[in-house]
Structures are given as structure tokens and as C-alpha cells.
PDB file of N, CA and C in Angstrom:
ATOM      1  N   MET A   1     137.922 153.432 174.438  1.00  0.00           N
ATOM      2  CA  MET A   1     138.156 152.266 175.238  1.00  0.00           C
ATOM      3  C   MET A   1     136.825 151.748 175.469  1.00  0.00           C
ATOM      4  N   PRO A   2     136.651 150.264 175.308  1.00  0.00           N
ATOM      5  CA  PRO A   2     135.282 149.770 175.794  1.00  0.00           C
ATOM      6  C   PRO A   2     134.832 149.769 176.992  1.00  0.00           C
ATOM      7  N   LEU A   3     133.662 149.734 177.193  1.00  0.00           N
ATOM      8  CA  LEU A   3     132.944 149.417 178.259  1.00  0.00           C
ATOM      9  C   LEU A   3     132.758 147.846 178.729  1.00  0.00           C
ATOM     10  N   TYR A   4     133.354 147.388 179.593  1.00  0.00           N
ATOM     11  CA  TYR A   4     133.083 145.953 179.912  1.00  0.00           C
ATOM     12  C   TYR A   4     132.008 145.693 181.069  1.00  0.00           C
ATOM     13  N   ASP A   5     131.450 144.758 180.946  1.00  0.00           N
ATOM     14  CA  ASP A   5     130.289 144.303 182.212  1.00  0.00           C
ATOM     15  C   ASP A   5     131.021 143.114 182.944  1.00  0.00           C
ATOM     16  N   PHE A   6     130.945 142.851 184.087  1.00  0.00           N
ATOM     17  CA  PHE A   6     131.554 141.815 185.003  1.00  0.00           C
ATOM     18  C   PHE A   6     130.486 141.557 186.166  1.00  0.00           C
ATOM     19  N   LYS A   7     130.212 139.999 186.308  1.00  0.00           N
ATOM     20  CA  LYS A   7     129.421 139.972 187.350  1.00  0.00           C
ATOM     21  C   LYS A   7     130.364 139.154 188.424  1.00  0.00           C
ATOM     22  N   ASP A   8     129.994 139.674 189.700  1.00  0.00           N
ATOM     23  CA  ASP A   8     130.705 139.212 190.943  1.00  0.00           C
ATOM     24  C   ASP A   8     130.025 137.840 191.259  1.00  0.00           C
ATOM     25  N   THR A   9     130.602 136.562 191.152  1.00  0.00           N
ATOM     26  CA  THR A   9     130.089 135.488 191.485  1.00  0.00           C
ATOM     27  C   THR A   9     129.532 135.253 192.984  1.00  0.00           C
ATOM     28  N   GLU A  10     130.350 136.049 193.805  1.00  0.00           N
ATOM     29  CA  GLU A  10     129.817 135.835 195.240  1.00  0.00           C
ATOM     30  C   GLU A  10     128.664 136.774 195.578  1.00  0.00           C
ATOM     31  N   THR A  11     128.569 138.051 195.083  1.00  0.00           N
ATOM     32  CA  THR A  11     127.518 138.719 195.280  1.00  0.00           C
ATOM     33  C   THR A  11     126.172 139.020 194.299  1.00  0.00           C
ATOM     34  N   GLY A  12     126.685 138.617 193.150  1.00  0.00           N
ATOM     35  CA  GLY A  12     125.823 138.728 191.781  1.00  0.00           C
ATOM     36  C   GLY A  12     125.422 140.040 191.408  1.00  0.00           C
ATOM     37  N   GLU A  13     126.468 140.911 191.861  1.00  0.00           N
ATOM     38  CA  GLU A  13     126.560 142.261 191.279  1.00  0.00           C
ATOM     39  C   GLU A  13     127.097 142.612 190.035  1.00  0.00           C
ATOM     40  N   ILE A  14     126.604 143.374 188.959  1.00  0.00           N
ATOM     41  CA  ILE A  14     127.043 143.639 187.767  1.00  0.00           C
ATOM     42  C   ILE A  14     127.685 144.861 188.104  1.00  0.00           C
ATOM     43  N   ILE A  15     129.164 144.749 187.448  1.00  0.00           N
ATOM     44  CA  ILE A  15     130.211 146.017 187.708  1.00  0.00           C
ATOM     45  C   ILE A  15     130.588 146.268 186.364  1.00  0.00           C
ATOM     46  N   PRO A  16     130.224 147.490 185.951  1.00  0.00           N
ATOM     47  CA  PRO A  16     130.704 148.046 184.485  1.00  0.00           C
ATOM     48  C   PRO A  16     132.103 148.572 184.668  1.00  0.00           C
ATOM     49  N   LYS A  17     132.867 148.445 183.854  1.00  0.00           N
ATOM     50  CA  LYS A  17     134.395 148.825 183.939  1.00  0.00           C
ATOM     51  C   LYS A  17     134.795 149.297 182.437  1.00  0.00           C
ATOM     52  N   LEU A  18     135.402 150.328 182.408  1.00  0.00           N
ATOM     53  CA  LEU A  18     135.966 150.965 181.328  1.00  0.00           C
ATOM     54  C   LEU A  18     137.388 150.626 181.230  1.00  0.00           C
ATOM     55  N   MET A  19     137.858 150.070 180.391  1.00  0.00           N
ATOM     56  CA  MET A  19     139.219 149.763 180.249  1.00  0.00           C
ATOM     57  C   MET A  19     139.628 149.577 179.036  1.00  0.00           C
ATOM     58  N   LYS A  20     141.021 149.385 178.510  1.00  0.00           N
ATOM     59  CA  LYS A  20     141.601 149.099 177.313  1.00  0.00           C
ATOM     60  C   LYS A  20     141.363 147.457 177.068  1.00  0.00           C
ATOM     61  N   ILE A  21     141.266 147.116 175.845  1.00  0.00           N
ATOM     62  CA  ILE A  21     141.360 145.610 175.569  1.00  0.00           C
ATOM     63  C   ILE A  21     142.365 144.841 176.061  1.00  0.00           C
ATOM     64  N   ALA A  22     143.562 145.409 176.078  1.00  0.00           N
ATOM     65  CA  ALA A  22     144.697 144.736 176.764  1.00  0.00           C
ATOM     66  C   ALA A  22     144.540 144.609 177.965  1.00  0.00           C
ATOM     67  N   GLU A  23     143.888 145.298 178.802  1.00  0.00           N
ATOM     68  CA  GLU A  23     144.023 145.270 180.393  1.00  0.00           C
ATOM     69  C   GLU A  23     142.782 144.444 180.768  1.00  0.00           C
ATOM     70  N   ARG A  24     142.045 143.894 179.950  1.00  0.00           N
ATOM     71  CA  ARG A  24     140.914 143.272 180.430  1.00  0.00           C
ATOM     72  C   ARG A  24     141.156 141.832 180.835  1.00  0.00           C
ATOM     73  N   GLU A  25     142.360 141.284 180.231  1.00  0.00           N
ATOM     74  CA  GLU A  25     142.596 139.622 180.716  1.00  0.00           C
ATOM     75  C   GLU A  25     143.535 139.937 181.946  1.00  0.00           C
ATOM     76  N   GLN A  26     144.235 140.892 182.074  1.00  0.00           N
ATOM     77  CA  GLN A  26     144.907 140.962 183.450  1.00  0.00           C
ATOM     78  C   GLN A  26     143.996 141.367 184.505  1.00  0.00           C
ATOM     79  N   PHE A  27     142.866 142.206 184.185  1.00  0.00           N
ATOM     80  CA  PHE A  27     142.063 142.373 185.158  1.00  0.00           C
ATOM     81  C   PHE A  27     141.078 141.129 185.598  1.00  0.00           C
ATOM     82  N   LEU A  28     140.688 140.376 184.692  1.00  0.00           N
ATOM     83  CA  LEU A  28     140.365 139.032 185.068  1.00  0.00           C
ATOM     84  C   LEU A  28     141.081 138.121 185.653  1.00  0.00           C
ATOM     85  N   LYS A  29     142.447 138.122 185.582  1.00  0.00           N
ATOM     86  CA  LYS A  29     143.218 137.095 186.077  1.00  0.00           C
ATOM     87  C   LYS A  29     143.445 137.846 187.781  1.00  0.00           C
ATOM     88  N   ASP A  30     143.440 139.045 187.877  1.00  0.00           N
ATOM     89  CA  ASP A  30     143.786 139.800 189.236  1.00  0.00           C
ATOM     90  C   ASP A  30     142.165 139.457 189.979  1.00  0.00           C
ATOM     91  N   ASN A  31     141.251 139.298 189.425  1.00  0.00           N
ATOM     92  CA  ASN A  31     139.875 139.203 190.061  1.00  0.00           C
ATOM     93  C   ASN A  31     139.311 138.041 189.670  1.00  0.00           C
ATOM     94  N   PRO A  32     139.583 136.829 190.190  1.00  0.00           N
ATOM     95  CA  PRO A  32     139.028 135.713 189.878  1.00  0.00           C
ATOM     96  C   PRO A  32     137.444 135.503 190.411  1.00  0.00           C
ATOM     97  N   ASN A  33     136.896 136.357 191.302  1.00  0.00           N
ATOM     98  CA  ASN A  33     135.570 136.313 191.290  1.00  0.00           C
ATOM     99  C   ASN A  33     134.736 137.097 190.350  1.00  0.00           C
ATOM    100  N   LEU A  34     135.380 137.671 189.563  1.00  0.00           N
ATOM    101  CA  LEU A  34     134.614 138.401 188.358  1.00  0.00           C
ATOM    102  C   LEU A  34     134.582 137.517 187.007  1.00  0.00           C
ATOM    103  N   ILE A  35     133.452 137.608 186.557  1.00  0.00           N
ATOM    104  CA  ILE A  35     133.352 136.801 185.167  1.00  0.00           C
ATOM    105  C   ILE A  35     132.626 137.731 184.174  1.00  0.00           C
ATOM    106  N   PRO A  36     132.999 137.905 182.996  1.00  0.00           N
ATOM    107  CA  PRO A  36     132.664 138.702 181.998  1.00  0.00           C
ATOM    108  C   PRO A  36     130.990 138.314 181.456  1.00  0.00           C
ATOM    109  N   VAL A  37     130.290 139.160 181.384  1.00  0.00           N
ATOM    110  CA  VAL A  37     128.793 139.023 180.980  1.00  0.00           C
ATOM    111  C   VAL A  37     128.489 139.846 179.940  1.00  0.00           C
ATOM    112  N   ILE A  38     127.495 139.643 178.994  1.00  0.00           N
ATOM    113  CA  ILE A  38     127.194 140.510 177.947  1.00  0.00           C
ATOM    114  C   ILE A  38     125.639 140.831 178.364  1.00  0.00           C
ATOM    115  N   LEU A  39     125.320 141.880 178.486  1.00  0.00           N
ATOM    116  CA  LEU A  39     124.104 142.559 179.195  1.00  0.00           C
ATOM    117  C   LEU A  39     123.022 142.724 177.802  1.00  0.00           C
ATOM    118  N   SER A  40     123.503 143.083 176.839  1.00  0.00           N
ATOM    119  CA  SER A  40     122.736 143.642 175.675  1.00  0.00           C
ATOM    120  C   SER A  40     123.457 143.040 174.368  1.00  0.00           C
ATOM    121  N   ALA A  41     122.758 142.818 173.166  1.00  0.00           N
ATOM    122  CA  ALA A  41     123.033 142.249 172.061  1.00  0.00           C
ATOM    123  C   ALA A  41     123.831 143.421 171.414  1.00  0.00           C
ATOM    124  N   PRO A  42     124.889 143.121 170.420  1.00  0.00           N
ATOM    125  CA  PRO A  42     125.612 144.041 169.638  1.00  0.00           C
ATOM    126  C   PRO A  42     124.615 144.933 168.869  1.00  0.00           C
ATOM    127  N   LYS A  43     124.740 146.244 168.555  1.00  0.00           N
ATOM    128  CA  LYS A  43     124.043 146.997 167.749  1.00  0.00           C
ATOM    129  C   LYS A  43     124.427 146.838 166.171  1.00  0.00           C
ATOM    130  N   LEU A  44     123.522 146.357 165.495  1.00  0.00           N
ATOM    131  CA  LEU A  44     123.792 146.047 164.108  1.00  0.00           C
ATOM    132  C   LEU A  44     123.202 147.146 163.342  1.00  0.00           C
ATOM    133  N   ILE A  45     123.707 147.451 161.995  1.00  0.00           N
ATOM    134  CA  ILE A  45     123.033 148.410 161.288  1.00  0.00           C
ATOM    135  C   ILE A  45     122.426 147.469 160.038  1.00  0.00           C
ATOM    136  N   SER A  46     121.153 147.628 159.898  1.00  0.00           N
ATOM    137  CA  SER A  46     120.632 146.860 158.898  1.00  0.00           C
ATOM    138  C   SER A  46     119.673 147.856 157.993  1.00  0.00           C
ATOM    139  N   GLY A  47     119.214 147.776 156.974  1.00  0.00           N
ATOM    140  CA  GLY A  47     118.385 147.985 156.070  1.00  0.00           C
ATOM    141  C   GLY A  47     118.861 149.315 155.263  1.00  0.00           C
ATOM    142  N   SER A  48     120.337 149.576 155.229  1.00  0.00           N
ATOM    143  CA  SER A  48     120.928 150.551 154.679  1.00  0.00           C
ATOM    144  C   SER A  48     120.725 150.382 153.127  1.00  0.00           C
ATOM    145  N   ASN A  49     120.743 151.395 152.206  1.00  0.00           N
ATOM    146  CA  ASN A  49     120.564 151.494 150.957  1.00  0.00           C
ATOM    147  C   ASN A  49     121.961 151.771 150.492  1.00  0.00           C
ATOM    148  N   LEU A  50     122.754 150.838 150.077  1.00  0.00           N
ATOM    149  CA  LEU A  50     124.178 151.333 149.675  1.00  0.00           C
ATOM    150  C   LEU A  50     124.222 151.828 148.353  1.00  0.00           C
ATOM    151  N   GLN A  51     123.271 151.627 147.487  1.00  0.00           N
ATOM    152  CA  GLN A  51     123.152 152.277 146.162  1.00  0.00           C
ATOM    153  C   GLN A  51     123.139 153.720 146.297  1.00  0.00           C
ATOM    154  N   SER A  52     122.409 154.421 147.229  1.00  0.00           N
ATOM    155  CA  SER A  52     122.245 155.872 147.099  1.00  0.00           C
ATOM    156  C   SER A  52     123.528 156.527 147.846  1.00  0.00           C
ATOM    157  N   LYS A  53     124.368 155.672 148.439  1.00  0.00           N
ATOM    158  CA  LYS A  53     125.508 156.081 148.945  1.00  0.00           C
ATOM    159  C   LYS A  53     126.802 155.941 148.122  1.00  0.00           C
ATOM    160  N   GLN A  54     126.602 155.534 146.853  1.00  0.00           N
ATOM    161  CA  GLN A  54     127.820 155.287 145.926  1.00  0.00           C
ATOM    162  C   GLN A  54     127.983 156.518 145.230  1.00  0.00           C
ATOM    163  N   ASP A  55     129.275 156.862 144.900  1.00  0.00           N
ATOM    164  CA  ASP A  55     129.530 157.888 144.006  1.00  0.00           C
ATOM    165  C   ASP A  55     129.260 157.647 142.435  1.00  0.00           C
ATOM    166  N   ASP A  56     129.223 158.545 141.747  1.00  0.00           N
ATOM    167  CA  ASP A  56     128.961 158.405 140.386  1.00  0.00           C
ATOM    168  C   ASP A  56     129.742 157.649 139.708  1.00  0.00           C
ATOM    169  N   GLY A  57     131.085 157.536 139.978  1.00  0.00           N
ATOM    170  CA  GLY A  57     132.157 156.498 139.271  1.00  0.00           C
ATOM    171  C   GLY A  57     132.093 155.190 139.626  1.00  0.00           C
ATOM    172  N   TRP A  58     131.566 154.720 140.815  1.00  0.00           N
ATOM    173  CA  TRP A  58     131.305 153.489 141.174  1.00  0.00           C
ATOM    174  C   TRP A  58     130.105 152.875 140.298  1.00  0.00           C
ATOM    175  N   LYS A  59     129.061 153.833 140.556  1.00  0.00           N
ATOM    176  CA  LYS A  59     127.628 153.523 139.738  1.00  0.00           C
ATOM    177  C   LYS A  59     127.990 153.281 138.287  1.00  0.00           C
ATOM    178  N   GLU A  60     128.883 153.997 137.567  1.00  0.00           N
ATOM    179  CA  GLU A  60     129.263 153.784 136.197  1.00  0.00           C
ATOM    180  C   GLU A  60     129.975 152.394 136.148  1.00  0.00           C
ATOM    181  N   ASN A  61     130.708 152.085 136.802  1.00  0.00           N
ATOM    182  CA  ASN A  61     131.534 150.754 137.061  1.00  0.00           C
ATOM    183  C   ASN A  61     130.692 149.749 137.008  1.00  0.00           C
ATOM    184  N   LEU A  62     129.514 149.734 137.953  1.00  0.00           N
ATOM    185  CA  LEU A  62     128.727 148.928 137.989  1.00  0.00           C
ATOM    186  C   LEU A  62     127.806 148.567 136.837  1.00  0.00           C
ATOM    187  N   GLN A  63     127.163 149.562 136.330  1.00  0.00           N
ATOM    188  CA  GLN A  63     126.518 149.606 134.875  1.00  0.00           C
ATOM    189  C   GLN A  63     127.403 148.991 133.722  1.00  0.00           C
ATOM    190  N   ARG A  64     128.743 149.402 133.636  1.00  0.00           N
ATOM    191  CA  ARG A  64     129.666 148.736 132.698  1.00  0.00           C
ATOM    192  C   ARG A  64     129.354 147.101 133.043  1.00  0.00           C
ATOM    193  N   ILE A  65     129.633 146.680 134.144  1.00  0.00           N
ATOM    194  CA  ILE A  65     129.737 145.372 134.381  1.00  0.00           C
ATOM    195  C   ILE A  65     128.524 144.572 134.165  1.00  0.00           C
ATOM    196  N   ALA A  66     127.226 145.409 134.550  1.00  0.00           N
ATOM    197  CA  ALA A  66     126.015 144.680 134.210  1.00  0.00           C
ATOM    198  C   ALA A  66     125.637 144.950 132.579  1.00  0.00           C
ATOM    199  N   GLU A  67     126.286 145.548 131.777  1.00  0.00           N
ATOM    200  CA  GLU A  67     126.038 145.475 130.434  1.00  0.00           C
ATOM    201  C   GLU A  67     127.011 144.383 129.885  1.00  0.00           C
ATOM    202  N   ALA A  68     128.156 143.990 130.569  1.00  0.00           N
ATOM    203  CA  ALA A  68     128.737 142.922 129.972  1.00  0.00           C
ATOM    204  C   ALA A  68     128.144 141.725 130.416  1.00  0.00           C
ATOM    205  N   HIS A  69     127.385 141.496 131.356  1.00  0.00           N
ATOM    206  CA  HIS A  69     126.777 140.538 131.904  1.00  0.00           C
ATOM    207  C   HIS A  69     125.265 140.542 132.040  1.00  0.00           C
ATOM    208  N   PRO A  70     124.629 140.717 130.667  1.00  0.00           N
ATOM    209  CA  PRO A  70     122.990 141.138 130.951  1.00  0.00           C
ATOM    210  C   PRO A  70     122.017 140.075 131.666  1.00  0.00           C
ATOM    211  N   THR A  71     122.670 138.903 131.724  1.00  0.00           N
ATOM    212  CA  THR A  71     121.592 137.743 132.514  1.00  0.00           C
ATOM    213  C   THR A  71     121.963 137.774 133.905  1.00  0.00           C
ATOM    214  N   SER A  72     122.813 138.488 134.509  1.00  0.00           N
ATOM    215  CA  SER A  72     123.387 138.437 135.883  1.00  0.00           C
ATOM    216  C   SER A  72     122.130 139.064 136.826  1.00  0.00           C
ATOM    217  N   ALA A  73     122.550 138.966 138.185  1.00  0.00           N
ATOM    218  CA  ALA A  73     121.587 139.540 139.030  1.00  0.00           C
ATOM    219  C   ALA A  73     122.151 140.864 139.297  1.00  0.00           C
ATOM    220  N   LEU A  74     123.285 141.378 138.875  1.00  0.00           N
ATOM    221  CA  LEU A  74     123.842 142.590 138.937  1.00  0.00           C
ATOM    222  C   LEU A  74     123.039 143.668 137.730  1.00  0.00           C
ATOM    223  N   ALA A  75     122.742 142.798 136.715  1.00  0.00           N
ATOM    224  CA  ALA A  75     121.994 143.488 135.699  1.00  0.00           C
ATOM    225  C   ALA A  75     120.685 143.872 136.137  1.00  0.00           C
ATOM    226  N   ASP A  76     119.955 142.855 136.700  1.00  0.00           N
ATOM    227  CA  ASP A  76     118.675 142.915 137.157  1.00  0.00           C
ATOM    228  C   ASP A  76     118.361 144.181 138.045  1.00  0.00           C
ATOM    229  N   LYS A  77     119.516 144.336 139.129  1.00  0.00           N
ATOM    230  CA  LYS A  77     119.326 145.370 139.877  1.00  0.00           C
ATOM    231  C   LYS A  77     119.704 146.770 139.570  1.00  0.00           C
ATOM    232  N   VAL A  78     120.987 146.727 138.721  1.00  0.00           N
ATOM    233  CA  VAL A  78     121.588 147.978 138.267  1.00  0.00           C
ATOM    234  C   VAL A  78     120.736 148.598 136.808  1.00  0.00           C
ATOM    235  N   GLY A  79     120.202 147.609 136.205  1.00  0.00           N
ATOM    236  CA  GLY A  79     119.529 147.970 134.967  1.00  0.00           C
ATOM    237  C   GLY A  79     120.600 147.881 133.734  1.00  0.00           C
ATOM    238  N   GLY A  80     121.489 147.063 133.853  1.00  0.00           N
ATOM    239  CA  GLY A  80     122.450 147.350 132.699  1.00  0.00           C
ATOM    240  C   GLY A  80     122.131 146.289 131.544  1.00  0.00           C
ATOM    241  N   ARG A  81     120.660 146.283 131.061  1.00  0.00           N
ATOM    242  CA  ARG A  81     120.387 145.638 130.048  1.00  0.00           C
ATOM    243  C   ARG A  81     119.127 146.489 129.269  1.00  0.00           C
ATOM    244  N   THR A  82     118.908 145.872 128.067  1.00  0.00           N
ATOM    245  CA  THR A  82     117.841 146.936 127.402  1.00  0.00           C
ATOM    246  C   THR A  82     116.502 146.056 127.581  1.00  0.00           C
ATOM    247  N   VAL A  83     115.487 146.856 127.240  1.00  0.00           N
ATOM    248  CA  VAL A  83     114.075 146.268 127.494  1.00  0.00           C
ATOM    249  C   VAL A  83     113.980 145.139 126.745  1.00  0.00           C
ATOM    250  N   LYS A  84     114.480 145.032 125.466  1.00  0.00           N
ATOM    251  CA  LYS A  84     114.314 143.533 124.589  1.00  0.00           C
ATOM    252  C   LYS A  84     114.984 142.439 125.434  1.00  0.00           C
ATOM    253  N   GLN A  85     116.259 142.763 126.080  1.00  0.00           N
ATOM    254  CA  GLN A  85     116.883 141.810 126.676  1.00  0.00           C
ATOM    255  C   GLN A  85     116.213 141.271 127.973  1.00  0.00           C
ATOM    256  N   ALA A  86     115.482 142.204 128.687  1.00  0.00           N
ATOM    257  CA  ALA A  86     114.643 141.807 129.913  1.00  0.00           C
ATOM    258  C   ALA A  86     113.602 140.900 129.684  1.00  0.00           C
ATOM    259  N   LYS A  87     112.986 141.279 128.374  1.00  0.00           N
ATOM    260  CA  LYS A  87     111.769 140.383 127.817  1.00  0.00           C
ATOM    261  C   LYS A  87     112.411 139.091 127.562  1.00  0.00           C
ATOM    262  N   VAL A  88     113.344 139.109 126.831  1.00  0.00           N
ATOM    263  CA  VAL A  88     113.779 137.641 126.302  1.00  0.00           C
ATOM    264  C   VAL A  88     114.096 136.957 127.892  1.00  0.00           C
ATOM    265  N   ASN A  89     114.662 137.569 128.703  1.00  0.00           N
ATOM    266  CA  ASN A  89     115.103 136.789 129.910  1.00  0.00           C
ATOM    267  C   ASN A  89     113.934 136.245 130.589  1.00  0.00           C
ATOM    268  N   GLU A  90     112.778 137.219 130.778  1.00  0.00           N
ATOM    269  CA  GLU A  90     111.471 136.721 131.381  1.00  0.00           C
ATOM    270  C   GLU A  90     110.969 135.524 130.633  1.00  0.00           C
ATOM    271  N   ILE A  91     110.798 135.463 129.314  1.00  0.00           N
ATOM    272  CA  ILE A  91     110.270 134.512 128.764  1.00  0.00           C
ATOM    273  C   ILE A  91     111.201 133.273 128.885  1.00  0.00           C
ATOM    274  N   THR A  92     112.501 133.368 128.904  1.00  0.00           N
ATOM    275  CA  THR A  92     113.468 132.190 129.157  1.00  0.00           C
ATOM    276  C   THR A  92     112.896 131.509 130.500  1.00  0.00           C
ATOM    277  N   LYS A  93     112.985 132.416 131.612  1.00  0.00           N
ATOM    278  CA  LYS A  93     112.522 132.052 132.884  1.00  0.00           C
ATOM    279  C   LYS A  93     111.396 131.202 132.922  1.00  0.00           C
ATOM    280  N   LYS A  94     110.532 131.785 132.234  1.00  0.00           N
ATOM    281  CA  LYS A  94     108.969 131.242 132.217  1.00  0.00           C
ATOM    282  C   LYS A  94     108.988 129.749 131.608  1.00  0.00           C
ATOM    283  N   HIS A  95     109.677 129.817 130.560  1.00  0.00           N
ATOM    284  CA  HIS A  95     109.858 128.533 129.644  1.00  0.00           C
ATOM    285  C   HIS A  95     110.564 127.345 130.596  1.00  0.00           C
ATOM    286  N   ASN A  96     111.666 127.951 131.051  1.00  0.00           N
ATOM    287  CA  ASN A  96     112.339 127.033 131.748  1.00  0.00           C
ATOM    288  C   ASN A  96     111.769 126.492 133.005  1.00  0.00           C
ATOM    289  N   THR A  97     110.875 127.324 133.609  1.00  0.00           N
ATOM    290  CA  THR A  97     109.907 126.784 135.108  1.00  0.00           C
ATOM    291  C   THR A  97     108.693 125.870 134.241  1.00  0.00           C
ATOM    292  N   ARG A  98     108.271 126.236 133.133  1.00  0.00           N
ATOM    293  CA  ARG A  98     107.367 125.185 132.478  1.00  0.00           C
ATOM    294  C   ARG A  98     107.836 123.871 132.274  1.00  0.00           C
ATOM    295  N   VAL A  99     109.016 123.912 131.831  1.00  0.00           N
ATOM    296  CA  VAL A  99     109.630 122.779 131.067  1.00  0.00           C
ATOM    297  C   VAL A  99     109.991 121.914 132.389  1.00  0.00           C
ATOM    298  N   ILE A 100     110.491 122.472 133.300  1.00  0.00           N
ATOM    299  CA  ILE A 100     111.049 121.589 134.561  1.00  0.00           C
ATOM    300  C   ILE A 100     109.639 121.474 135.177  1.00  0.00           C
ATOM    301  N   SER A 101     108.753 121.893 135.426  1.00  0.00           N
ATOM    302  CA  SER A 101     107.444 121.266 136.158  1.00  0.00           C
ATOM    303  C   SER A 101     106.874 120.288 135.175  1.00  0.00           C
ATOM    304  N   GLU A 102     106.909 120.149 133.982  1.00  0.00           N
ATOM    305  CA  GLU A 102     106.476 119.068 132.970  1.00  0.00           C
ATOM    306  C   GLU A 102     107.306 118.027 133.492  1.00  0.00           C
ATOM    307  N   ASP A 103     108.448 118.134 133.525  1.00  0.00           N
ATOM    308  CA  ASP A 103     109.411 116.888 133.514  1.00  0.00           C
ATOM    309  C   ASP A 103     109.193 116.300 134.961  1.00  0.00           C
ATOM    310  N   THR A 104     108.685 116.807 136.107  1.00  0.00           N
ATOM    311  CA  THR A 104     108.611 116.301 137.217  1.00  0.00           C
ATOM    312  C   THR A 104     107.283 115.653 137.388  1.00  0.00           C
ATOM    313  N   THR A 105     106.389 115.886 136.387  1.00  0.00           N
ATOM    314  CA  THR A 105     104.953 115.311 136.521  1.00  0.00           C
ATOM    315  C   THR A 105     105.111 114.083 135.667  1.00  0.00           C
TER     316      THR A 105
END
């Protein structure tokens, strides 16, 4: 059951209340002097490395997809391309940026 915080509009007091989600709406209807408040931001998980938490079967599947699409972002991340293909892509990017910059001048 989640813990909800309510503010009493008459006294300004913050009241924490543990209840089921279904009970919350009825509680607010029964207590019109209380309004729901959020005291803290939700806790978010960030910076996790999903690559290390994947099993070997999934990693192999990603490598097969990357090999089938060597110019994709997945191939850059997973390494589903050969050294030769990586160099060709690098030179192609360099050439494309040079051609685009010459066209704009």
C-alpha cells in the first residue's frame, strides 16, 4: 500500500496516510478539507548499464542484428562490424561532413 501525504487546508498540517489506491478517492471525498500534496520527487533509477545485465542469448541476438546492419547505431554499440567496415564508415562520415560544409559556404 502506498503512503499518501495530505495537507489540511484549515491548519496547514501535513498528514501522511497509508491506504490502498482505491481508498484514496473515497478518503478525499469524506475529508473535503484535505488536499493531496507531493512532498518529494519520485525516485528514478538512472545510469544503469543494461548491457552487463543481459544474458548471453540476448547478447548473441544483438550481435546477429548488428552484423546484419553494420552501419546502424547498434553495430557501433555492440560491435557487430569488422575493423574494415568501421574504417569505411569513419571515412564516409568524414567525407559527408566535408561535402556538406563545402555546400553551405
